[in-house]
Amino acid sequence: MGVRNFLIEGVSGTGKTSVATELQLRGYHVIHGDRELAYQGDPITGEPLRHSIDQSNKHGVAFAHEHHLWDINKVRALIADCSHPLSFFCGGSRNFPRFIDLFDGVFVLQVDQDTLIRRLADRPEDEFGSKLAEQKFVLHLHETGRDIPKNAITVDAAVPLASVVESILSTCRR
């Protein structure tokens, strides 16, 4: 959807949705990946799972995380459409290695542990990261850096939102 396309990643609670919303308010084209591209699927084949994942019981949070994928064909189609000067794909996907090379740049939002704990505690009950098991899992991902794209541009997302977005935009303008 853009002449230039950027991925904005990070663990839950780092501000991907907030950044996406702010970019939209500023008139930029944004794809909310977790809403528009995501599905639960086999991380190797990409085939959708036949049954929904119950994070609280049978499957667990880690299983749900590992099977959170983006539709690669949709990602490719959106990137092929050059009707916008810039497009931002915001969200997380476990199959990003299969399409990350299509982006002109990748940003990873980072926050300190205290900020992350506070943000997760403030989430509504129906949002991922609000439950204790999800919070523990996110903190583990944060600590280990597992599932975060390597060679990405790190953005301090603990600063005010406007500063986070300006940092991203100034890098994109270069």
N, C-alpha and C. Protein backbone atom coordinates (compact mmCIF):
# COMPACT_ATOMS: atom_id res chain seq x y z
N MET A 1 0.81 -1.19 0.00
CA MET A 1 0.00 0.00 0.00
C MET A 1 0.85 1.25 0.00
N GLY A 2 2.13 1.09 0.06
CA GLY A 2 2.97 2.26 0.09
C GLY A 2 4.14 2.14 -0.84
N VAL A 3 4.61 3.29 -1.32
CA VAL A 3 5.83 3.30 -2.08
C VAL A 3 6.96 2.80 -1.18
N ARG A 4 6.88 3.19 0.11
CA ARG A 4 7.79 2.69 1.12
C ARG A 4 6.96 2.10 2.25
N ASN A 5 7.35 0.93 2.72
CA ASN A 5 6.59 0.19 3.73
C ASN A 5 7.46 -0.12 4.93
N PHE A 6 6.88 0.08 6.11
CA PHE A 6 7.63 -0.12 7.35
C PHE A 6 6.83 -1.00 8.30
N LEU A 7 7.55 -1.85 9.01
CA LEU A 7 6.96 -2.71 10.03
C LEU A 7 7.29 -2.13 11.39
N ILE A 8 6.29 -2.04 12.25
CA ILE A 8 6.49 -1.60 13.63
C ILE A 8 6.12 -2.76 14.52
N GLU A 9 7.12 -3.30 15.23
CA GLU A 9 7.00 -4.51 16.05
C GLU A 9 7.33 -4.19 17.50
N GLY A 10 7.18 -5.18 18.34
CA GLY A 10 7.51 -5.08 19.75
C GLY A 10 6.60 -6.00 20.54
N VAL A 11 6.99 -6.31 21.77
CA VAL A 11 6.15 -7.17 22.59
C VAL A 11 4.87 -6.43 22.97
N SER A 12 3.87 -7.16 23.41
CA SER A 12 2.62 -6.56 23.84
C SER A 12 2.90 -5.53 24.93
N GLY A 13 2.26 -4.39 24.79
CA GLY A 13 2.40 -3.34 25.79
C GLY A 13 3.45 -2.29 25.46
N THR A 14 4.15 -2.44 24.36
CA THR A 14 5.17 -1.44 24.02
C THR A 14 4.60 -0.25 23.26
N GLY A 15 3.37 -0.36 22.77
CA GLY A 15 2.73 0.80 22.16
C GLY A 15 2.46 0.72 20.68
N LYS A 16 2.47 -0.47 20.11
CA LYS A 16 2.26 -0.60 18.66
C LYS A 16 0.91 -0.02 18.23
N THR A 17 -0.15 -0.35 18.94
CA THR A 17 -1.48 0.14 18.58
C THR A 17 -1.57 1.65 18.78
N SER A 18 -0.99 2.16 19.85
CA SER A 18 -1.00 3.61 20.09
C SER A 18 -0.24 4.34 18.98
N VAL A 19 0.90 3.82 18.58
CA VAL A 19 1.68 4.43 17.49
C VAL A 19 0.87 4.38 16.20
N ALA A 20 0.24 3.25 15.93
CA ALA A 20 -0.56 3.12 14.71
C ALA A 20 -1.68 4.15 14.69
N THR A 21 -2.37 4.29 15.79
CA THR A 21 -3.48 5.25 15.87
C THR A 21 -2.97 6.68 15.68
N GLU A 22 -1.85 7.01 16.29
CA GLU A 22 -1.28 8.36 16.15
C GLU A 22 -0.85 8.62 14.71
N LEU A 23 -0.24 7.63 14.07
CA LEU A 23 0.13 7.78 12.66
C LEU A 23 -1.10 8.03 11.80
N GLN A 24 -2.18 7.30 12.06
CA GLN A 24 -3.42 7.51 11.31
C GLN A 24 -3.97 8.92 11.53
N LEU A 25 -3.94 9.38 12.77
CA LEU A 25 -4.41 10.74 13.07
C LEU A 25 -3.61 11.79 12.32
N ARG A 26 -2.37 11.48 12.04
CA ARG A 26 -1.51 12.40 11.29
C ARG A 26 -1.64 12.22 9.79
N GLY A 27 -2.53 11.34 9.35
CA GLY A 27 -2.81 11.17 7.94
C GLY A 27 -2.03 10.10 7.23
N TYR A 28 -1.30 9.29 7.95
CA TYR A 28 -0.51 8.23 7.32
C TYR A 28 -1.35 6.97 7.14
N HIS A 29 -0.97 6.18 6.17
CA HIS A 29 -1.65 4.92 5.91
C HIS A 29 -1.10 3.86 6.86
N VAL A 30 -2.01 3.21 7.60
CA VAL A 30 -1.62 2.23 8.61
C VAL A 30 -2.41 0.95 8.45
N ILE A 31 -1.74 -0.15 8.59
CA ILE A 31 -2.38 -1.46 8.64
C ILE A 31 -2.19 -1.98 10.06
N HIS A 32 -3.30 -2.18 10.76
CA HIS A 32 -3.26 -2.78 12.09
C HIS A 32 -3.16 -4.29 11.89
N GLY A 33 -1.95 -4.78 11.86
CA GLY A 33 -1.71 -6.18 11.52
C GLY A 33 -2.45 -7.16 12.41
N ASP A 34 -2.51 -6.87 13.70
CA ASP A 34 -3.16 -7.81 14.62
C ASP A 34 -4.67 -7.84 14.41
N ARG A 35 -5.22 -6.84 13.79
CA ARG A 35 -6.66 -6.80 13.51
C ARG A 35 -6.98 -7.20 12.07
N GLU A 36 -6.13 -6.78 11.14
CA GLU A 36 -6.44 -6.93 9.71
C GLU A 36 -5.77 -8.11 9.03
N LEU A 37 -4.68 -8.59 9.58
CA LEU A 37 -3.91 -9.64 8.91
C LEU A 37 -3.77 -10.93 9.72
N ALA A 38 -4.07 -10.87 11.00
CA ALA A 38 -3.75 -11.97 11.91
C ALA A 38 -4.77 -13.10 11.88
N TYR A 39 -4.27 -14.28 12.12
CA TYR A 39 -5.09 -15.47 12.31
C TYR A 39 -4.26 -16.48 13.09
N GLN A 40 -4.89 -17.51 13.58
CA GLN A 40 -4.20 -18.58 14.29
C GLN A 40 -3.89 -19.69 13.28
N GLY A 41 -2.62 -19.99 13.11
CA GLY A 41 -2.24 -20.97 12.11
C GLY A 41 -1.00 -21.74 12.49
N ASP A 42 -0.70 -22.73 11.68
CA ASP A 42 0.49 -23.54 11.86
C ASP A 42 1.70 -22.70 11.48
N PRO A 43 2.65 -22.51 12.39
CA PRO A 43 3.79 -21.63 12.09
C PRO A 43 4.71 -22.14 10.99
N ILE A 44 4.64 -23.41 10.66
CA ILE A 44 5.49 -23.96 9.60
C ILE A 44 4.79 -23.90 8.25
N THR A 45 3.55 -24.39 8.19
CA THR A 45 2.85 -24.45 6.92
C THR A 45 2.02 -23.21 6.63
N GLY A 46 1.63 -22.49 7.67
CA GLY A 46 0.75 -21.34 7.49
C GLY A 46 -0.72 -21.70 7.43
N GLU A 47 -1.00 -22.99 7.44
CA GLU A 47 -2.40 -23.42 7.38
C GLU A 47 -3.16 -22.95 8.63
N PRO A 48 -4.36 -22.40 8.44
CA PRO A 48 -5.15 -21.98 9.61
C PRO A 48 -5.47 -23.18 10.50
N LEU A 49 -5.49 -22.94 11.80
CA LEU A 49 -5.88 -24.00 12.73
C LEU A 49 -7.37 -24.25 12.59
N ARG A 50 -7.77 -25.47 12.77
CA ARG A 50 -9.18 -25.83 12.62
C ARG A 50 -10.02 -25.41 13.80
N HIS A 51 -9.40 -25.31 14.97
CA HIS A 51 -10.12 -24.97 16.18
C HIS A 51 -9.53 -23.69 16.77
N SER A 52 -10.37 -22.91 17.39
CA SER A 52 -9.86 -21.70 18.04
C SER A 52 -8.99 -22.09 19.23
N ILE A 53 -8.07 -21.22 19.56
CA ILE A 53 -7.14 -21.49 20.65
C ILE A 53 -7.70 -20.93 21.95
N ASP A 54 -7.74 -21.78 22.95
CA ASP A 54 -8.16 -21.37 24.28
C ASP A 54 -6.90 -21.15 25.10
N GLN A 55 -6.53 -19.88 25.28
CA GLN A 55 -5.28 -19.56 25.97
C GLN A 55 -5.30 -19.94 27.44
N SER A 56 -6.47 -19.93 28.05
CA SER A 56 -6.53 -20.11 29.49
C SER A 56 -6.45 -21.57 29.93
N ASN A 57 -6.82 -22.50 29.08
CA ASN A 57 -6.88 -23.89 29.51
C ASN A 57 -5.93 -24.78 28.72
N LYS A 58 -6.50 -25.44 27.74
CA LYS A 58 -5.83 -26.52 27.02
C LYS A 58 -4.52 -26.10 26.34
N HIS A 59 -4.50 -24.98 25.65
CA HIS A 59 -3.35 -24.65 24.82
C HIS A 59 -2.31 -23.77 25.52
N GLY A 60 -2.73 -22.84 26.29
CA GLY A 60 -1.80 -21.96 26.99
C GLY A 60 -1.39 -20.75 26.16
N VAL A 61 -0.83 -19.78 26.85
CA VAL A 61 -0.45 -18.52 26.24
C VAL A 61 0.66 -18.70 25.22
N ALA A 62 1.66 -19.51 25.54
CA ALA A 62 2.79 -19.71 24.63
C ALA A 62 2.33 -20.33 23.31
N PHE A 63 1.42 -21.29 23.39
CA PHE A 63 0.90 -21.92 22.17
C PHE A 63 0.19 -20.89 21.31
N ALA A 64 -0.66 -20.08 21.92
CA ALA A 64 -1.39 -19.05 21.18
C ALA A 64 -0.41 -18.07 20.53
N HIS A 65 0.62 -17.70 21.26
CA HIS A 65 1.62 -16.77 20.73
C HIS A 65 2.34 -17.37 19.52
N GLU A 66 2.77 -18.61 19.64
CA GLU A 66 3.49 -19.26 18.55
C GLU A 66 2.65 -19.43 17.29
N HIS A 67 1.34 -19.43 17.43
CA HIS A 67 0.44 -19.65 16.30
C HIS A 67 -0.24 -18.37 15.83
N HIS A 68 0.23 -17.22 16.31
CA HIS A 68 -0.30 -15.92 15.89
C HIS A 68 0.45 -15.49 14.63
N LEU A 69 -0.19 -15.64 13.49
CA LEU A 69 0.45 -15.40 12.19
C LEU A 69 -0.25 -14.28 11.44
N TRP A 70 0.45 -13.74 10.46
CA TRP A 70 -0.15 -12.82 9.50
C TRP A 70 -0.28 -13.53 8.17
N ASP A 71 -1.33 -13.20 7.44
CA ASP A 71 -1.57 -13.76 6.12
C ASP A 71 -0.53 -13.18 5.15
N ILE A 72 0.41 -14.01 4.74
CA ILE A 72 1.52 -13.56 3.91
C ILE A 72 1.04 -13.04 2.56
N ASN A 73 0.05 -13.66 1.97
CA ASN A 73 -0.47 -13.19 0.68
C ASN A 73 -1.08 -11.80 0.81
N LYS A 74 -1.76 -11.54 1.92
CA LYS A 74 -2.32 -10.19 2.15
C LYS A 74 -1.20 -9.17 2.35
N VAL A 75 -0.17 -9.56 3.09
CA VAL A 75 0.97 -8.65 3.30
C VAL A 75 1.58 -8.30 1.95
N ARG A 76 1.83 -9.31 1.13
CA ARG A 76 2.43 -9.08 -0.20
C ARG A 76 1.55 -8.19 -1.07
N ALA A 77 0.25 -8.43 -1.04
CA ALA A 77 -0.67 -7.63 -1.86
C ALA A 77 -0.69 -6.17 -1.40
N LEU A 78 -0.70 -5.96 -0.10
CA LEU A 78 -0.70 -4.59 0.42
C LEU A 78 0.59 -3.86 0.07
N ILE A 79 1.70 -4.55 0.14
CA ILE A 79 2.98 -3.93 -0.19
C ILE A 79 3.08 -3.64 -1.69
N ALA A 80 2.47 -4.47 -2.51
CA ALA A 80 2.52 -4.28 -3.97
C ALA A 80 1.71 -3.07 -4.44
N ASP A 81 0.74 -2.65 -3.66
CA ASP A 81 -0.09 -1.49 -4.00
C ASP A 81 0.65 -0.22 -3.58
N CYS A 82 1.06 0.58 -4.54
CA CYS A 82 1.87 1.76 -4.24
C CYS A 82 1.06 3.05 -4.26
N SER A 83 -0.16 3.00 -3.75
CA SER A 83 -1.03 4.17 -3.78
C SER A 83 -0.79 5.15 -2.64
N HIS A 84 0.11 4.83 -1.72
CA HIS A 84 0.45 5.73 -0.61
C HIS A 84 1.96 5.91 -0.57
N PRO A 85 2.42 7.11 -0.24
CA PRO A 85 3.88 7.30 -0.17
C PRO A 85 4.53 6.47 0.94
N LEU A 86 3.84 6.33 2.07
CA LEU A 86 4.34 5.54 3.19
C LEU A 86 3.20 4.70 3.75
N SER A 87 3.51 3.46 4.09
CA SER A 87 2.56 2.61 4.80
C SER A 87 3.26 2.00 6.00
N PHE A 88 2.52 1.91 7.10
CA PHE A 88 3.05 1.36 8.34
C PHE A 88 2.23 0.14 8.73
N PHE A 89 2.89 -0.99 8.86
CA PHE A 89 2.27 -2.23 9.31
C PHE A 89 2.61 -2.36 10.79
N CYS A 90 1.61 -2.32 11.65
CA CYS A 90 1.85 -2.31 13.09
C CYS A 90 1.27 -3.56 13.73
N GLY A 91 2.09 -4.26 14.48
CA GLY A 91 1.63 -5.45 15.18
C GLY A 91 2.70 -6.52 15.19
N GLY A 92 2.34 -7.65 15.76
CA GLY A 92 3.28 -8.74 15.89
C GLY A 92 2.83 -9.99 15.17
N SER A 93 3.78 -10.73 14.68
CA SER A 93 3.48 -11.95 13.94
C SER A 93 4.64 -12.92 14.12
N ARG A 94 4.33 -14.17 14.33
CA ARG A 94 5.40 -15.14 14.51
C ARG A 94 5.98 -15.61 13.18
N ASN A 95 5.32 -15.33 12.09
CA ASN A 95 5.88 -15.74 10.80
C ASN A 95 6.53 -14.56 10.06
N PHE A 96 6.89 -13.49 10.78
CA PHE A 96 7.50 -12.32 10.13
C PHE A 96 8.76 -12.66 9.34
N PRO A 97 9.54 -13.70 9.72
CA PRO A 97 10.73 -13.98 8.89
C PRO A 97 10.37 -14.32 7.44
N ARG A 98 9.14 -14.72 7.19
CA ARG A 98 8.75 -15.10 5.83
C ARG A 98 8.39 -13.90 4.96
N PHE A 99 8.28 -12.69 5.57
CA PHE A 99 7.95 -11.52 4.75
C PHE A 99 8.70 -10.25 5.17
N ILE A 100 9.55 -10.34 6.17
CA ILE A 100 10.21 -9.14 6.68
C ILE A 100 11.09 -8.46 5.63
N ASP A 101 11.64 -9.24 4.70
CA ASP A 101 12.50 -8.67 3.67
C ASP A 101 11.75 -7.79 2.68
N LEU A 102 10.42 -7.80 2.72
CA LEU A 102 9.62 -6.95 1.84
C LEU A 102 9.55 -5.50 2.32
N PHE A 103 9.93 -5.26 3.58
CA PHE A 103 9.81 -3.92 4.16
C PHE A 103 11.07 -3.10 3.92
N ASP A 104 10.85 -1.80 3.81
CA ASP A 104 11.96 -0.86 3.65
C ASP A 104 12.67 -0.61 4.97
N GLY A 105 11.99 -0.89 6.06
CA GLY A 105 12.58 -0.72 7.38
C GLY A 105 11.72 -1.37 8.43
N VAL A 106 12.35 -1.73 9.54
CA VAL A 106 11.64 -2.36 10.65
C VAL A 106 12.00 -1.61 11.93
N PHE A 107 10.98 -1.25 12.67
CA PHE A 107 11.15 -0.60 13.96
C PHE A 107 10.68 -1.55 15.05
N VAL A 108 11.43 -1.58 16.15
CA VAL A 108 11.02 -2.36 17.31
C VAL A 108 10.86 -1.39 18.47
N LEU A 109 9.65 -1.34 19.02
CA LEU A 109 9.37 -0.49 20.17
C LEU A 109 9.87 -1.19 21.43
N GLN A 110 10.62 -0.46 22.23
CA GLN A 110 11.19 -0.99 23.47
C GLN A 110 10.79 -0.09 24.64
N VAL A 111 10.49 -0.71 25.76
CA VAL A 111 10.24 0.02 27.00
C VAL A 111 10.97 -0.71 28.13
N ASP A 112 11.16 -0.01 29.24
CA ASP A 112 11.77 -0.64 30.40
C ASP A 112 10.74 -1.55 31.07
N GLN A 113 11.20 -2.42 31.92
CA GLN A 113 10.32 -3.41 32.55
C GLN A 113 9.22 -2.76 33.39
N ASP A 114 9.53 -1.71 34.15
CA ASP A 114 8.51 -1.05 34.98
C ASP A 114 7.39 -0.46 34.12
N THR A 115 7.77 0.16 33.02
CA THR A 115 6.76 0.73 32.11
C THR A 115 5.89 -0.38 31.53
N LEU A 116 6.52 -1.47 31.14
CA LEU A 116 5.77 -2.59 30.57
C LEU A 116 4.79 -3.16 31.60
N ILE A 117 5.25 -3.37 32.82
CA ILE A 117 4.37 -3.91 33.87
C ILE A 117 3.17 -2.98 34.08
N ARG A 118 3.44 -1.68 34.14
CA ARG A 118 2.36 -0.71 34.34
C ARG A 118 1.35 -0.73 33.19
N ARG A 119 1.85 -0.77 31.97
CA ARG A 119 0.97 -0.76 30.79
C ARG A 119 0.12 -2.03 30.74
N LEU A 120 0.72 -3.16 31.03
CA LEU A 120 -0.05 -4.40 31.01
C LEU A 120 -1.11 -4.41 32.11
N ALA A 121 -0.78 -3.89 33.27
CA ALA A 121 -1.74 -3.83 34.39
C ALA A 121 -2.92 -2.92 34.07
N ASP A 122 -2.70 -1.93 33.22
CA ASP A 122 -3.75 -0.97 32.87
C ASP A 122 -4.65 -1.44 31.72
N ARG A 123 -4.36 -2.59 31.15
CA ARG A 123 -5.15 -3.06 30.01
C ARG A 123 -6.54 -3.51 30.43
N PRO A 124 -7.51 -3.33 29.53
CA PRO A 124 -8.86 -3.85 29.80
C PRO A 124 -8.82 -5.37 29.90
N GLU A 125 -9.75 -5.94 30.63
CA GLU A 125 -9.78 -7.40 30.87
C GLU A 125 -9.84 -8.23 29.60
N ASP A 126 -10.43 -7.71 28.54
CA ASP A 126 -10.58 -8.49 27.32
C ASP A 126 -9.42 -8.32 26.34
N GLU A 127 -8.38 -7.61 26.74
CA GLU A 127 -7.23 -7.38 25.87
C GLU A 127 -6.06 -8.27 26.28
N PHE A 128 -5.34 -8.79 25.28
CA PHE A 128 -4.20 -9.65 25.58
C PHE A 128 -3.21 -8.89 26.47
N GLY A 129 -2.72 -9.58 27.49
CA GLY A 129 -1.77 -9.00 28.42
C GLY A 129 -2.40 -8.56 29.72
N SER A 130 -3.71 -8.67 29.81
CA SER A 130 -4.39 -8.24 31.04
C SER A 130 -4.39 -9.33 32.11
N LYS A 131 -4.28 -10.57 31.70
CA LYS A 131 -4.30 -11.69 32.65
C LYS A 131 -2.89 -12.00 33.14
N LEU A 132 -2.80 -12.51 34.35
CA LEU A 132 -1.50 -12.76 34.98
C LEU A 132 -0.61 -13.68 34.13
N ALA A 133 -1.16 -14.77 33.61
CA ALA A 133 -0.36 -15.70 32.80
C ALA A 133 0.17 -15.00 31.55
N GLU A 134 -0.64 -14.15 30.94
CA GLU A 134 -0.21 -13.40 29.75
C GLU A 134 0.87 -12.39 30.12
N GLN A 135 0.71 -11.73 31.26
CA GLN A 135 1.71 -10.75 31.70
C GLN A 135 3.06 -11.44 31.94
N LYS A 136 3.03 -12.58 32.60
CA LYS A 136 4.27 -13.31 32.85
C LYS A 136 4.95 -13.70 31.53
N PHE A 137 4.13 -14.13 30.57
CA PHE A 137 4.68 -14.54 29.28
C PHE A 137 5.28 -13.33 28.55
N VAL A 138 4.58 -12.21 28.55
CA VAL A 138 5.08 -11.01 27.88
C VAL A 138 6.38 -10.54 28.54
N LEU A 139 6.43 -10.58 29.85
CA LEU A 139 7.66 -10.18 30.55
C LEU A 139 8.82 -11.10 30.20
N HIS A 140 8.54 -12.39 30.03
CA HIS A 140 9.57 -13.33 29.60
C HIS A 140 10.07 -12.96 28.20
N LEU A 141 9.14 -12.68 27.29
CA LEU A 141 9.53 -12.28 25.93
C LEU A 141 10.35 -10.99 25.96
N HIS A 142 9.94 -10.06 26.79
CA HIS A 142 10.64 -8.79 26.93
C HIS A 142 12.06 -9.02 27.42
N GLU A 143 12.21 -9.86 28.42
CA GLU A 143 13.51 -10.13 29.02
C GLU A 143 14.45 -10.84 28.05
N THR A 144 13.91 -11.79 27.30
CA THR A 144 14.75 -12.61 26.42
C THR A 144 14.93 -12.01 25.03
N GLY A 145 14.01 -11.14 24.61
CA GLY A 145 14.08 -10.59 23.26
C GLY A 145 13.68 -11.60 22.19
N ARG A 146 13.15 -12.72 22.63
CA ARG A 146 12.71 -13.77 21.71
C ARG A 146 11.60 -13.24 20.81
N ASP A 147 11.60 -13.61 19.58
CA ASP A 147 10.57 -13.26 18.61
C ASP A 147 10.58 -11.79 18.20
N ILE A 148 11.68 -11.11 18.43
CA ILE A 148 11.80 -9.73 18.00
C ILE A 148 12.75 -9.70 16.80
N PRO A 149 12.35 -9.02 15.73
CA PRO A 149 13.23 -8.98 14.55
C PRO A 149 14.61 -8.44 14.89
N LYS A 150 15.60 -9.09 14.36
CA LYS A 150 16.98 -8.64 14.53
C LYS A 150 17.26 -7.56 13.48
N ASN A 151 18.29 -6.77 13.71
CA ASN A 151 18.70 -5.72 12.78
C ASN A 151 17.61 -4.67 12.56
N ALA A 152 16.72 -4.53 13.51
CA ALA A 152 15.68 -3.51 13.42
C ALA A 152 16.16 -2.24 14.11
N ILE A 153 15.49 -1.16 13.82
CA ILE A 153 15.78 0.11 14.48
C ILE A 153 15.00 0.13 15.79
N THR A 154 15.70 0.25 16.89
CA THR A 154 15.08 0.26 18.20
C THR A 154 14.58 1.68 18.51
N VAL A 155 13.34 1.76 18.98
CA VAL A 155 12.74 3.04 19.33
C VAL A 155 12.35 3.00 20.80
N ASP A 156 12.79 3.98 21.56
CA ASP A 156 12.41 4.09 22.96
C ASP A 156 10.94 4.50 23.02
N ALA A 157 10.09 3.58 23.41
CA ALA A 157 8.65 3.83 23.45
C ALA A 157 8.15 4.16 24.85
N ALA A 158 9.08 4.43 25.77
CA ALA A 158 8.70 4.84 27.12
C ALA A 158 8.53 6.36 27.20
N VAL A 159 8.95 7.06 26.16
CA VAL A 159 8.81 8.51 26.11
C VAL A 159 7.40 8.85 25.61
N PRO A 160 6.99 10.11 25.67
CA PRO A 160 5.65 10.46 25.18
C PRO A 160 5.40 9.99 23.75
N LEU A 161 4.16 9.62 23.48
CA LEU A 161 3.77 9.06 22.19
C LEU A 161 4.19 9.94 21.01
N ALA A 162 4.00 11.24 21.13
CA ALA A 162 4.37 12.14 20.04
C ALA A 162 5.86 12.02 19.72
N SER A 163 6.69 11.85 20.73
CA SER A 163 8.13 11.70 20.51
C SER A 163 8.46 10.38 19.83
N VAL A 164 7.74 9.32 20.20
CA VAL A 164 7.94 8.01 19.57
C VAL A 164 7.63 8.11 18.08
N VAL A 165 6.49 8.70 17.76
CA VAL A 165 6.07 8.82 16.36
C VAL A 165 7.03 9.72 15.59
N GLU A 166 7.46 10.82 16.18
CA GLU A 166 8.41 11.70 15.51
C GLU A 166 9.73 10.98 15.23
N SER A 167 10.18 10.16 16.15
CA SER A 167 11.41 9.40 15.95
C SER A 167 11.27 8.47 14.75
N ILE A 168 10.14 7.79 14.67
CA ILE A 168 9.89 6.88 13.55
C ILE A 168 9.83 7.66 12.23
N LEU A 169 9.06 8.74 12.23
CA LEU A 169 8.88 9.52 11.00
C LEU A 169 10.19 10.16 10.54
N SER A 170 10.98 10.66 11.46
CA SER A 170 12.24 11.29 11.06
C SER A 170 13.18 10.26 10.42
N THR A 171 13.16 9.04 10.92
CA THR A 171 13.97 7.98 10.31
C THR A 171 13.45 7.64 8.92
N CYS A 172 12.14 7.61 8.76
CA CYS A 172 11.54 7.27 7.47
C CYS A 172 11.81 8.35 6.42
N ARG A 173 11.94 9.58 6.85
CA ARG A 173 12.17 10.70 5.92
C ARG A 173 13.60 10.70 5.35
N ARG A 174 14.52 10.02 6.05
CA ARG A 174 15.92 10.00 5.60
C ARG A 174 16.09 9.18 4.35
